[in-house]
C-alpha atoms as a PDB file:
ATOM      1  CA  MET A   1      15.774 -87.760 -89.966  1.00  0.00           C
ATOM      2  CA  ALA A   2      17.983 -85.243 -91.757  1.00  0.00           C
ATOM      3  CA  LYS A   3      19.999 -82.966 -89.492  1.00  0.00           C
ATOM      4  CA  ASN A   4      22.422 -80.086 -89.991  1.00  0.00           C
ATOM      5  CA  THR A   5      19.612 -77.624 -90.609  1.00  0.00           C
ATOM      6  CA  ILE A   6      21.007 -74.961 -88.271  1.00  0.00           C
ATOM      7  CA  ARG A   7      24.196 -72.925 -88.700  1.00  0.00           C
ATOM      8  CA  VAL A   8      25.679 -71.382 -85.565  1.00  0.00           C
ATOM      9  CA  ALA A   9      28.346 -68.668 -85.351  1.00  0.00           C
ATOM     10  CA  THR A  10      29.597 -66.772 -82.311  1.00  0.00           C
ATOM     11  CA  ASP A  11      31.598 -63.558 -82.225  1.00  0.00           C
ATOM     12  CA  GLY A  12      32.031 -60.731 -79.726  1.00  0.00           C
ATOM     13  CA  GLY A  13      29.543 -62.159 -77.248  1.00  0.00           C
ATOM     14  CA  VAL A  14      26.820 -62.572 -79.883  1.00  0.00           C
ATOM     15  CA  GLY A  15      25.589 -65.907 -81.209  1.00  0.00           C
ATOM     16  CA  THR A  16      23.916 -66.054 -84.631  1.00  0.00           C
ATOM     17  CA  LEU A  17      21.649 -68.976 -85.511  1.00  0.00           C
ATOM     18  CA  THR A  18      20.603 -69.434 -89.131  1.00  0.00           C
ATOM     19  CA  ILE A  19      17.883 -71.880 -90.154  1.00  0.00           C
ATOM     20  CA  ASP A  20      19.283 -73.338 -93.362  1.00  0.00           C
ATOM     21  CA  ARG A  21      16.782 -75.294 -95.456  1.00  0.00           C
ATOM     22  CA  PRO A  22      16.727 -73.209 -98.636  1.00  0.00           C
ATOM     23  CA  GLU A  23      15.099 -75.985-100.660  1.00  0.00           C
ATOM     24  CA  SER A  24      11.949 -75.616 -98.514  1.00  0.00           C
ATOM     25  CA  LEU A  25      12.245 -71.898 -97.711  1.00  0.00           C
ATOM     26  CA  ASN A  26      13.512 -72.856 -94.237  1.00  0.00           C
ATOM     27  CA  ALA A  27      10.269 -74.626 -93.296  1.00  0.00           C
ATOM     28  CA  LEU A  28      10.054 -76.129 -89.827  1.00  0.00           C
ATOM     29  CA  ASN A  29       9.936 -79.896 -89.545  1.00  0.00           C
ATOM     30  CA  SER A  30      10.641 -82.176 -86.593  1.00  0.00           C
ATOM     31  CA  ALA A  31      14.367 -82.245 -87.347  1.00  0.00           C
ATOM     32  CA  VAL A  32      14.626 -78.440 -87.377  1.00  0.00           C
ATOM     33  CA  LEU A  33      12.711 -78.136 -84.097  1.00  0.00           C
ATOM     34  CA  GLU A  34      14.980 -80.696 -82.438  1.00  0.00           C
ATOM     35  CA  GLU A  35      18.220 -79.251 -83.766  1.00  0.00           C
ATOM     36  CA  LEU A  36      17.218 -75.660 -83.002  1.00  0.00           C
ATOM     37  CA  GLU A  37      16.365 -76.567 -79.410  1.00  0.00           C
ATOM     38  CA  GLU A  38      19.727 -78.325 -79.014  1.00  0.00           C
ATOM     39  CA  ALA A  39      21.595 -75.326 -80.449  1.00  0.00           C
ATOM     40  CA  LEU A  40      19.744 -72.875 -78.208  1.00  0.00           C
ATOM     41  CA  GLU A  41      20.408 -74.990 -75.123  1.00  0.00           C
ATOM     42  CA  ALA A  42      24.130 -75.029 -75.932  1.00  0.00           C
ATOM     43  CA  LEU A  43      24.239 -71.270 -76.489  1.00  0.00           C
ATOM     44  CA  ASP A  44      22.276 -70.539 -73.323  1.00  0.00           C
ATOM     45  CA  ALA A  45      24.892 -72.524 -71.391  1.00  0.00           C
ATOM     46  CA  ASP A  46      27.835 -70.868 -73.192  1.00  0.00           C
ATOM     47  CA  GLN A  47      29.156 -68.148 -70.868  1.00  0.00           C
ATOM     48  CA  SER A  48      30.957 -66.386 -73.730  1.00  0.00           C
ATOM     49  CA  VAL A  49      27.618 -65.611 -75.416  1.00  0.00           C
ATOM     50  CA  GLU A  50      25.461 -62.773 -74.051  1.00  0.00           C
ATOM     51  CA  ALA A  51      22.823 -62.278 -76.774  1.00  0.00           C
ATOM     52  CA  LEU A  52      21.497 -64.155 -79.797  1.00  0.00           C
ATOM     53  CA  VAL A  53      20.309 -63.288 -83.302  1.00  0.00           C
ATOM     54  CA  LEU A  54      17.991 -65.755 -85.068  1.00  0.00           C
ATOM     55  CA  THR A  55      17.537 -65.561 -88.847  1.00  0.00           C
ATOM     56  CA  GLY A  56      16.906 -67.617 -91.979  1.00  0.00           C
ATOM     57  CA  ALA A  57      19.220 -68.497 -94.860  1.00  0.00           C
ATOM     58  CA  GLY A  58      18.808 -66.589 -98.105  1.00  0.00           C
ATOM     59  CA  THR A  59      16.659 -63.555 -98.868  1.00  0.00           C
ATOM     60  CA  LYS A  60      13.285 -65.168 -99.635  1.00  0.00           C
ATOM     61  CA  ALA A  61      12.306 -66.515 -96.238  1.00  0.00           C
ATOM     62  CA  PHE A  62      12.999 -66.259 -92.550  1.00  0.00           C
ATOM     63  CA  ILE A  63      10.869 -69.374 -92.095  1.00  0.00           C
ATOM     64  CA  SER A  64       8.042 -70.045 -94.519  1.00  0.00           C
ATOM     65  CA  GLY A  65       6.053 -72.029 -91.939  1.00  0.00           C
ATOM     66  CA  GLY A  66       5.648 -75.620 -90.879  1.00  0.00           C
ATOM     67  CA  ASP A  67       6.708 -78.325 -93.313  1.00  0.00           C
ATOM     68  CA  ILE A  68       3.415 -79.181 -95.045  1.00  0.00           C
ATOM     69  CA  ARG A  69       4.758 -82.427 -96.506  1.00  0.00           C
ATOM     70  CA  GLU A  70       5.480 -83.726 -93.018  1.00  0.00           C
ATOM     71  CA  MET A  71       2.270 -82.359 -91.516  1.00  0.00           C
ATOM     72  CA  LEU A  72      -0.006 -83.812 -94.200  1.00  0.00           C
ATOM     73  CA  GLY A  73       0.492 -87.346 -92.935  1.00  0.00           C
ATOM     74  CA  LEU A  74      -0.107 -86.616 -89.247  1.00  0.00           C
ATOM     75  CA  ASP A  75      -3.000 -88.137 -87.339  1.00  0.00           C
ATOM     76  CA  VAL A  76      -4.473 -86.583 -84.181  1.00  0.00           C
ATOM     77  CA  PRO A  77      -1.836 -88.006 -81.778  1.00  0.00           C
ATOM     78  CA  GLY A  78       0.932 -87.063 -84.211  1.00  0.00           C
ATOM     79  CA  ALA A  79      -0.419 -83.521 -84.578  1.00  0.00           C
ATOM     80  CA  ARG A  80      -0.671 -83.178 -80.798  1.00  0.00           C
ATOM     81  CA  SER A  81       2.961 -84.267 -80.423  1.00  0.00           C
ATOM     82  CA  PHE A  82       4.170 -81.952 -83.224  1.00  0.00           C
ATOM     83  CA  SER A  83       2.354 -78.997 -81.668  1.00  0.00           C
ATOM     84  CA  ARG A  84       3.757 -79.765 -78.217  1.00  0.00           C
ATOM     85  CA  ASP A  85       7.293 -79.977 -79.625  1.00  0.00           C
ATOM     86  CA  GLY A  86       6.865 -76.572 -81.240  1.00  0.00           C
ATOM     87  CA  GLN A  87       5.319 -75.037 -78.141  1.00  0.00           C
ATOM     88  CA  ARG A  88       8.123 -76.410 -75.968  1.00  0.00           C
ATOM     89  CA  LEU A  89      10.679 -74.700 -78.222  1.00  0.00           C
ATOM     90  CA  MET A  90       8.786 -71.382 -78.117  1.00  0.00           C
ATOM     91  CA  LEU A  91       8.566 -71.492 -74.318  1.00  0.00           C
ATOM     92  CA  PHE A  92      12.246 -72.374 -74.090  1.00  0.00           C
ATOM     93  CA  ILE A  93      13.172 -69.252 -76.090  1.00  0.00           C
ATOM     94  CA  GLN A  94      10.860 -67.061 -74.018  1.00  0.00           C
ATOM     95  CA  ASN A  95      12.365 -68.378 -70.776  1.00  0.00           C
ATOM     96  CA  MET A  96      16.027 -68.340 -71.821  1.00  0.00           C
ATOM     97  CA  ARG A  97      18.305 -66.188 -69.691  1.00  0.00           C
ATOM     98  CA  LYS A  98      19.727 -64.533 -72.800  1.00  0.00           C
ATOM     99  CA  PRO A  99      17.903 -62.131 -75.121  1.00  0.00           C
ATOM    100  CA  VAL A 100      17.036 -63.484 -78.565  1.00  0.00           C
ATOM    101  CA  LEU A 101      16.504 -61.035 -81.441  1.00  0.00           C
ATOM    102  CA  ALA A 102      14.706 -62.244 -84.590  1.00  0.00           C
ATOM    103  CA  ALA A 103      16.093 -60.822 -87.862  1.00  0.00           C
ATOM    104  CA  VAL A 104      13.288 -61.513 -90.345  1.00  0.00           C
ATOM    105  CA  ASN A 105      14.678 -61.362 -93.850  1.00  0.00           C
ATOM    106  CA  GLY A 106      11.701 -62.628 -95.896  1.00  0.00           C
ATOM    107  CA  TYR A 107       8.556 -64.656 -95.319  1.00  0.00           C
ATOM    108  CA  ALA A 108       7.714 -65.321 -91.659  1.00  0.00           C
ATOM    109  CA  LEU A 109       4.544 -67.341 -91.969  1.00  0.00           C
ATOM    110  CA  GLY A 110       2.789 -69.782 -89.671  1.00  0.00           C
ATOM    111  CA  GLY A 111       5.377 -71.452 -87.460  1.00  0.00           C
ATOM    112  CA  GLY A 112       7.942 -68.970 -88.748  1.00  0.00           C
ATOM    113  CA  LEU A 113       6.008 -66.035 -87.335  1.00  0.00           C
ATOM    114  CA  GLU A 114       5.386 -68.004 -84.135  1.00  0.00           C
ATOM    115  CA  LEU A 115       9.130 -68.549 -83.795  1.00  0.00           C
ATOM    116  CA  ALA A 116       9.818 -64.851 -84.370  1.00  0.00           C
ATOM    117  CA  LEU A 117       7.156 -63.961 -81.782  1.00  0.00           C
ATOM    118  CA  ALA A 118       8.862 -66.217 -79.232  1.00  0.00           C
ATOM    119  CA  CYS A 119      11.973 -64.045 -79.540  1.00  0.00           C
ATOM    120  CA  ASP A 120      12.320 -60.936 -77.405  1.00  0.00           C
ATOM    121  CA  PHE A 121      11.763 -58.583 -80.324  1.00  0.00           C
ATOM    122  CA  ILE A 122      11.838 -58.520 -84.118  1.00  0.00           C
ATOM    123  CA  TYR A 123      13.794 -56.532 -86.680  1.00  0.00           C
ATOM    124  CA  ALA A 124      12.630 -56.901 -90.297  1.00  0.00           C
ATOM    125  CA  SER A 125      13.917 -56.205 -93.763  1.00  0.00           C
ATOM    126  CA  GLU A 126      11.781 -54.169 -96.130  1.00  0.00           C
ATOM    127  CA  LYS A 127      11.004 -57.390 -98.009  1.00  0.00           C
ATOM    128  CA  ALA A 128       9.739 -59.246 -94.931  1.00  0.00           C
ATOM    129  CA  ARG A 129       6.193 -60.578 -94.896  1.00  0.00           C
ATOM    130  CA  PHE A 130       4.247 -61.747 -91.834  1.00  0.00           C
ATOM    131  CA  GLY A 131       1.177 -63.898 -91.359  1.00  0.00           C
ATOM    132  CA  LEU A 132      -0.537 -66.842 -89.707  1.00  0.00           C
ATOM    133  CA  PRO A 133      -2.312 -68.398 -92.712  1.00  0.00           C
ATOM    134  CA  GLU A 134      -3.076 -71.762 -91.063  1.00  0.00           C
ATOM    135  CA  VAL A 135      -6.858 -71.405 -91.513  1.00  0.00           C
ATOM    136  CA  THR A 136      -6.324 -71.415 -95.287  1.00  0.00           C
ATOM    137  CA  LEU A 137      -4.981 -74.960 -94.793  1.00  0.00           C
ATOM    138  CA  GLY A 138      -7.816 -76.054 -92.533  1.00  0.00           C
ATOM    139  CA  VAL A 139      -5.893 -75.819 -89.252  1.00  0.00           C
ATOM    140  CA  LEU A 140      -4.940 -73.139 -86.698  1.00  0.00           C
ATOM    141  CA  PRO A 141      -1.606 -71.872 -85.317  1.00  0.00           C
ATOM    142  CA  GLY A 142      -0.242 -74.630 -83.073  1.00  0.00           C
ATOM    143  CA  PHE A 143       3.105 -73.292 -81.827  1.00  0.00           C
ATOM    144  CA  GLY A 144       1.690 -70.677 -79.453  1.00  0.00           C
ATOM    145  CA  GLY A 145       0.589 -68.129 -82.036  1.00  0.00           C
ATOM    146  CA  THR A 146      -2.972 -67.747 -80.733  1.00  0.00           C
ATOM    147  CA  GLN A 147      -1.569 -66.849 -77.316  1.00  0.00           C
ATOM    148  CA  THR A 148       1.565 -64.811 -78.068  1.00  0.00           C
ATOM    149  CA  LEU A 149       0.147 -62.667 -80.868  1.00  0.00           C
ATOM    150  CA  ALA A 150      -2.889 -61.559 -78.867  1.00  0.00           C
ATOM    151  CA  ARG A 151      -0.638 -60.495 -75.995  1.00  0.00           C
ATOM    152  CA  LEU A 152       1.556 -58.483 -78.361  1.00  0.00           C
ATOM    153  CA  ILE A 153      -0.909 -56.653 -80.603  1.00  0.00           C
ATOM    154  CA  GLY A 154      -4.216 -57.184 -78.789  1.00  0.00           C
ATOM    155  CA  PRO A 155      -6.953 -59.750 -79.371  1.00  0.00           C
ATOM    156  CA  GLY A 156      -8.815 -57.782 -82.037  1.00  0.00           C
ATOM    157  CA  ARG A 157      -5.917 -57.497 -84.448  1.00  0.00           C
ATOM    158  CA  ALA A 158      -4.714 -61.008 -83.603  1.00  0.00           C
ATOM    159  CA  LYS A 159      -8.153 -62.397 -84.483  1.00  0.00           C
ATOM    160  CA  GLU A 160      -8.212 -60.445 -87.740  1.00  0.00           C
ATOM    161  CA  LEU A 161      -4.818 -61.777 -88.779  1.00  0.00           C
ATOM    162  CA  ILE A 162      -5.560 -65.379 -87.771  1.00  0.00           C
ATOM    163  CA  PHE A 163      -9.177 -65.580 -89.002  1.00  0.00           C
ATOM    164  CA  THR A 164      -8.392 -64.087 -92.427  1.00  0.00           C
ATOM    165  CA  GLY A 165      -4.964 -65.604 -93.026  1.00  0.00           C
ATOM    166  CA  ARG A 166      -3.897 -62.163 -94.232  1.00  0.00           C
ATOM    167  CA  ILE A 167      -0.210 -61.476 -94.981  1.00  0.00           C
ATOM    168  CA  LEU A 168       1.243 -58.185 -93.691  1.00  0.00           C
ATOM    169  CA  SER A 169       4.010 -56.204 -95.344  1.00  0.00           C
ATOM    170  CA  ALA A 170       6.966 -55.091 -93.252  1.00  0.00           C
ATOM    171  CA  GLY A 171       5.498 -51.593 -93.057  1.00  0.00           C
ATOM    172  CA  GLU A 172       2.123 -52.887 -91.897  1.00  0.00           C
ATOM    173  CA  ALA A 173       3.819 -55.122 -89.312  1.00  0.00           C
ATOM    174  CA  LEU A 174       5.638 -52.067 -87.960  1.00  0.00           C
ATOM    175  CA  GLU A 175       2.394 -50.088 -87.825  1.00  0.00           C
ATOM    176  CA  TRP A 176       0.643 -52.930 -85.984  1.00  0.00           C
ATOM    177  CA  GLY A 177       3.421 -53.180 -83.402  1.00  0.00           C
ATOM    178  CA  LEU A 178       4.504 -56.626 -84.560  1.00  0.00           C
ATOM    179  CA  VAL A 179       8.101 -55.563 -85.247  1.00  0.00           C
ATOM    180  CA  ASN A 180      10.401 -53.007 -83.631  1.00  0.00           C
ATOM    181  CA  ALA A 181      12.097 -51.675 -86.762  1.00  0.00           C
ATOM    182  CA  VAL A 182      12.363 -52.135 -90.533  1.00  0.00           C
ATOM    183  CA  PHE A 183      15.660 -51.828 -92.440  1.00  0.00           C
ATOM    184  CA  PRO A 184      16.859 -52.153 -96.038  1.00  0.00           C
ATOM    185  CA  GLU A 185      17.601 -55.791 -96.829  1.00  0.00           C
ATOM    186  CA  GLY A 186      21.367 -55.333 -96.873  1.00  0.00           C
ATOM    187  CA  GLU A 187      21.407 -53.631 -93.470  1.00  0.00           C
ATOM    188  CA  LEU A 188      19.211 -56.035 -91.498  1.00  0.00           C
ATOM    189  CA  LEU A 189      21.777 -58.430 -90.047  1.00  0.00           C
ATOM    190  CA  GLY A 190      24.242 -55.641 -89.345  1.00  0.00           C
ATOM    191  CA  ARG A 191      21.620 -53.647 -87.449  1.00  0.00           C
ATOM    192  CA  ALA A 192      20.497 -56.746 -85.532  1.00  0.00           C
ATOM    193  CA  ARG A 193      24.062 -57.563 -84.590  1.00  0.00           C
ATOM    194  CA  GLU A 194      24.697 -53.939 -83.576  1.00  0.00           C
ATOM    195  CA  THR A 195      21.792 -54.115 -81.132  1.00  0.00           C
ATOM    196  CA  ALA A 196      22.861 -57.548 -79.861  1.00  0.00           C
ATOM    197  CA  LEU A 197      26.385 -56.233 -79.234  1.00  0.00           C
ATOM    198  CA  ARG A 198      24.950 -53.311 -77.276  1.00  0.00           C
ATOM    199  CA  ILE A 199      22.972 -55.758 -75.134  1.00  0.00           C
ATOM    200  CA  ALA A 200      26.068 -57.951 -74.705  1.00  0.00           C
ATOM    201  CA  GLY A 201      27.980 -54.974 -73.284  1.00  0.00           C
ATOM    202  CA  ASN A 202      25.579 -54.577 -70.380  1.00  0.00           C
ATOM    203  CA  GLY A 203      25.418 -56.515 -67.121  1.00  0.00           C
ATOM    204  CA  SER A 204      24.285 -59.974 -68.211  1.00  0.00           C
ATOM    205  CA  VAL A 205      22.654 -60.844 -64.874  1.00  0.00           C
ATOM    206  CA  ALA A 206      20.739 -57.557 -64.954  1.00  0.00           C
ATOM    207  CA  VAL A 207      19.574 -58.242 -68.512  1.00  0.00           C
ATOM    208  CA  ALA A 208      18.547 -61.806 -67.585  1.00  0.00           C
ATOM    209  CA  ASN A 209      16.590 -60.568 -64.563  1.00  0.00           C
ATOM    210  CA  ALA A 210      14.916 -57.845 -66.617  1.00  0.00           C
ATOM    211  CA  LYS A 211      13.827 -60.428 -69.210  1.00  0.00           C
ATOM    212  CA  ARG A 212      12.555 -62.702 -66.447  1.00  0.00           C
ATOM    213  CA  ALA A 213      10.579 -59.860 -64.849  1.00  0.00           C
ATOM    214  CA  ILE A 214       8.884 -58.977 -68.147  1.00  0.00           C
ATOM    215  CA  VAL A 215       8.082 -62.570 -69.146  1.00  0.00           C
ATOM    216  CA  ARG A 216       6.761 -63.512 -65.711  1.00  0.00           C
ATOM    217  CA  GLY A 217       4.838 -60.272 -65.383  1.00  0.00           C
ATOM    218  CA  LEU A 218       2.877 -60.873 -68.590  1.00  0.00           C
ATOM    219  CA  ASP A 219       1.268 -63.904 -66.932  1.00  0.00           C
ATOM    220  CA  GLN A 220       0.659 -62.226 -63.571  1.00  0.00           C
ATOM    221  CA  ALA A 221      -1.690 -59.658 -62.119  1.00  0.00           C
ATOM    222  CA  ARG A 222      -0.018 -56.254 -61.970  1.00  0.00           C
ATOM    223  CA  ALA A 223       0.476 -56.339 -58.190  1.00  0.00           C
ATOM    224  CA  ASP A 224       2.142 -59.765 -58.496  1.00  0.00           C
ATOM    225  CA  GLY A 225       4.285 -58.440 -61.330  1.00  0.00           C
ATOM    226  CA  PHE A 226       5.439 -55.581 -59.105  1.00  0.00           C
ATOM    227  CA  ARG A 227       6.435 -58.107 -56.445  1.00  0.00           C
ATOM    228  CA  THR A 228       8.355 -60.149 -59.032  1.00  0.00           C
ATOM    229  CA  GLU A 229      10.168 -57.013 -60.190  1.00  0.00           C
ATOM    230  CA  ASN A 230      10.973 -56.093 -56.591  1.00  0.00           C
ATOM    231  CA  GLU A 231      12.509 -59.510 -55.889  1.00  0.00           C
ATOM    232  CA  LEU A 232      14.599 -59.546 -59.061  1.00  0.00           C
ATOM    233  CA  PHE A 233      15.720 -55.942 -58.553  1.00  0.00           C
ATOM    234  CA  ALA A 234      16.821 -56.585 -54.973  1.00  0.00           C
ATOM    235  CA  ALA A 235      18.655 -59.793 -55.910  1.00  0.00           C
ATOM    236  CA  LEU A 236      20.998 -57.804 -58.143  1.00  0.00           C
ATOM    237  CA  PHE A 237      22.399 -55.987 -55.115  1.00  0.00           C
ATOM    238  CA  ALA A 238      24.140 -59.225 -54.147  1.00  0.00           C
ATOM    239  CA  THR A 239      26.161 -59.202 -57.405  1.00  0.00           C
ATOM    240  CA  ALA A 240      29.602 -57.822 -58.122  1.00  0.00           C
ATOM    241  CA  ASP A 241      28.226 -56.298 -61.343  1.00  0.00           C
ATOM    242  CA  GLN A 242      25.919 -53.975 -59.382  1.00  0.00           C
ATOM    243  CA  LYS A 243      28.835 -52.636 -57.368  1.00  0.00           C
ATOM    244  CA  GLU A 244      31.023 -52.349 -60.478  1.00  0.00           C
ATOM    245  CA  GLY A 245      28.352 -50.659 -62.579  1.00  0.00           C
ATOM    246  CA  MET A 246      27.531 -47.987 -60.007  1.00  0.00           C
ATOM    247  CA  LYS A 247      31.148 -47.428 -59.047  1.00  0.00           C
ATOM    248  CA  ALA A 248      32.106 -47.034 -62.708  1.00  0.00           C
ATOM    249  CA  PHE A 249      29.327 -44.490 -63.188  1.00  0.00           C
ATOM    250  CA  LEU A 250      30.591 -42.379 -60.302  1.00  0.00           C
ATOM    251  CA  GLU A 251      34.182 -42.705 -61.542  1.00  0.00           C
ATOM    252  CA  LYS A 252      33.106 -41.759 -65.084  1.00  0.00           C
ATOM    253  CA  ARG A 253      34.526 -44.882 -66.730  1.00  0.00           C
ATOM    254  CA  LYS A 254      33.195 -47.871 -68.651  1.00  0.00           C
ATOM    255  CA  PRO A 255      32.199 -50.743 -66.327  1.00  0.00           C
ATOM    256  CA  GLU A 256      33.784 -54.173 -66.593  1.00  0.00           C
ATOM    257  CA  PHE A 257      30.943 -56.613 -65.985  1.00  0.00           C
ATOM    258  CA  LYS A 258      31.904 -60.188 -65.128  1.00  0.00           C
ATOM    259  CA  ASP A 259      28.923 -61.881 -63.471  1.00  0.00           C
ATOM    260  CA  LYS A 260      27.012 -64.545 -65.404  1.00  0.00           C
ATOM    261  CA  PRO A 261      23.375 -65.525 -64.848  1.00  0.00           C
ATOM    262  CA  GLN A 262      22.770 -68.982 -63.457  1.00  0.00           C
ATOM    263  CA  MET A 263      21.034 -71.589 -65.573  1.00  0.00           C
ATOM    264  CA  ASN A 264      17.482 -72.167 -64.400  1.00  0.00           C
ATOM    265  CA  ALA A 265      16.448 -75.508 -65.872  1.00  0.00           C
ATOM    266  CA  ASP A 266      12.961 -75.379 -64.373  1.00  0.00           C
ATOM    267  CA  GLU A 267      12.163 -72.113 -66.140  1.00  0.00           C
ATOM    268  CA  THR A 268      13.660 -72.947 -69.537  1.00  0.00           C
ATOM    269  CA  LYS A 269      11.931 -76.318 -69.653  1.00  0.00           C
ATOM    270  CA  LYS A 270       8.442 -74.984 -68.941  1.00  0.00           C
END
């Protein structure tokens, strides 16, 4: 199985992961899923990295979807395993301690859109295109798309996108609430990195707890979500960063945050 499909760079507290299969428009196969999970695990454990940017090589595609050549030969057990591998990766990203920003620079279709949706939010270039066209191939989204998309944009619009296989422009994706912002192609990575650097400058334990509160809360009743928020809020008052952040505010200076969130293997491996 060919490897070396992911390029990783770190600088200034920000890790950048680039899916690099230009010959297949960065399509996801088993090797990419495995290597991407390994790279994300390493970056989540790297205490010098506070935020991540995920993108695709070139200007044509973020990720064009699942690798159809590999999928064509799957039987039912093989398809079940492939879907579970993809879902495990999506859940890992959602449950990582560190924020992950998707910088979508071209086509984000099928598994590519599902991967972008697993990230904490999406920035897009003006040339980006979004869709879940699996029904046009006789299948359905299998990497969590039927669940994540409906939670993000509502079931009605999710059903329309999935049932029709329609492809949205970057502007339409912004209007639908699928992406946070759209930038000229040449500005996309710079803007994504700028936001990631801003996140990296904040208290990393606070950011990790805020992400955990949001992710957990989406699967809880509101009263339970309030209790989760309360627990995670209170826990921060045992950190040095809380004391430093509030003291720095009162002293009118920039805080020097040093605490690091603890790895939670049970959560990331859900």
